[in-house]
């Protein structure tokens, strides 16, 4: 099977080991409540992608099918018409 190799690959592949686990803290005033007054259980996490993913591991490992990570795009204004934003 073909593999991708590049200079410094080992450092990139193993970088997650250098990032410590963080605990996610709920901010109730920013939460979403459903029509019955209960917490919906969804999360929006602001922060570093790797730190956020590692914080999710203890609770959600093997239980999540998809995580959407919105990549930063400094050129968004120039490449996206206002009607799309």
Foldseek 3Di string as FASTA:
>chain_A
DDDDDDPPVVCVVCVLVVDDADADDDDVVPFDADPVRDGPPDDDDDDDPSNVVRNCCVPCPPNDDDDDDDDDDPCCPVPPDPVVD
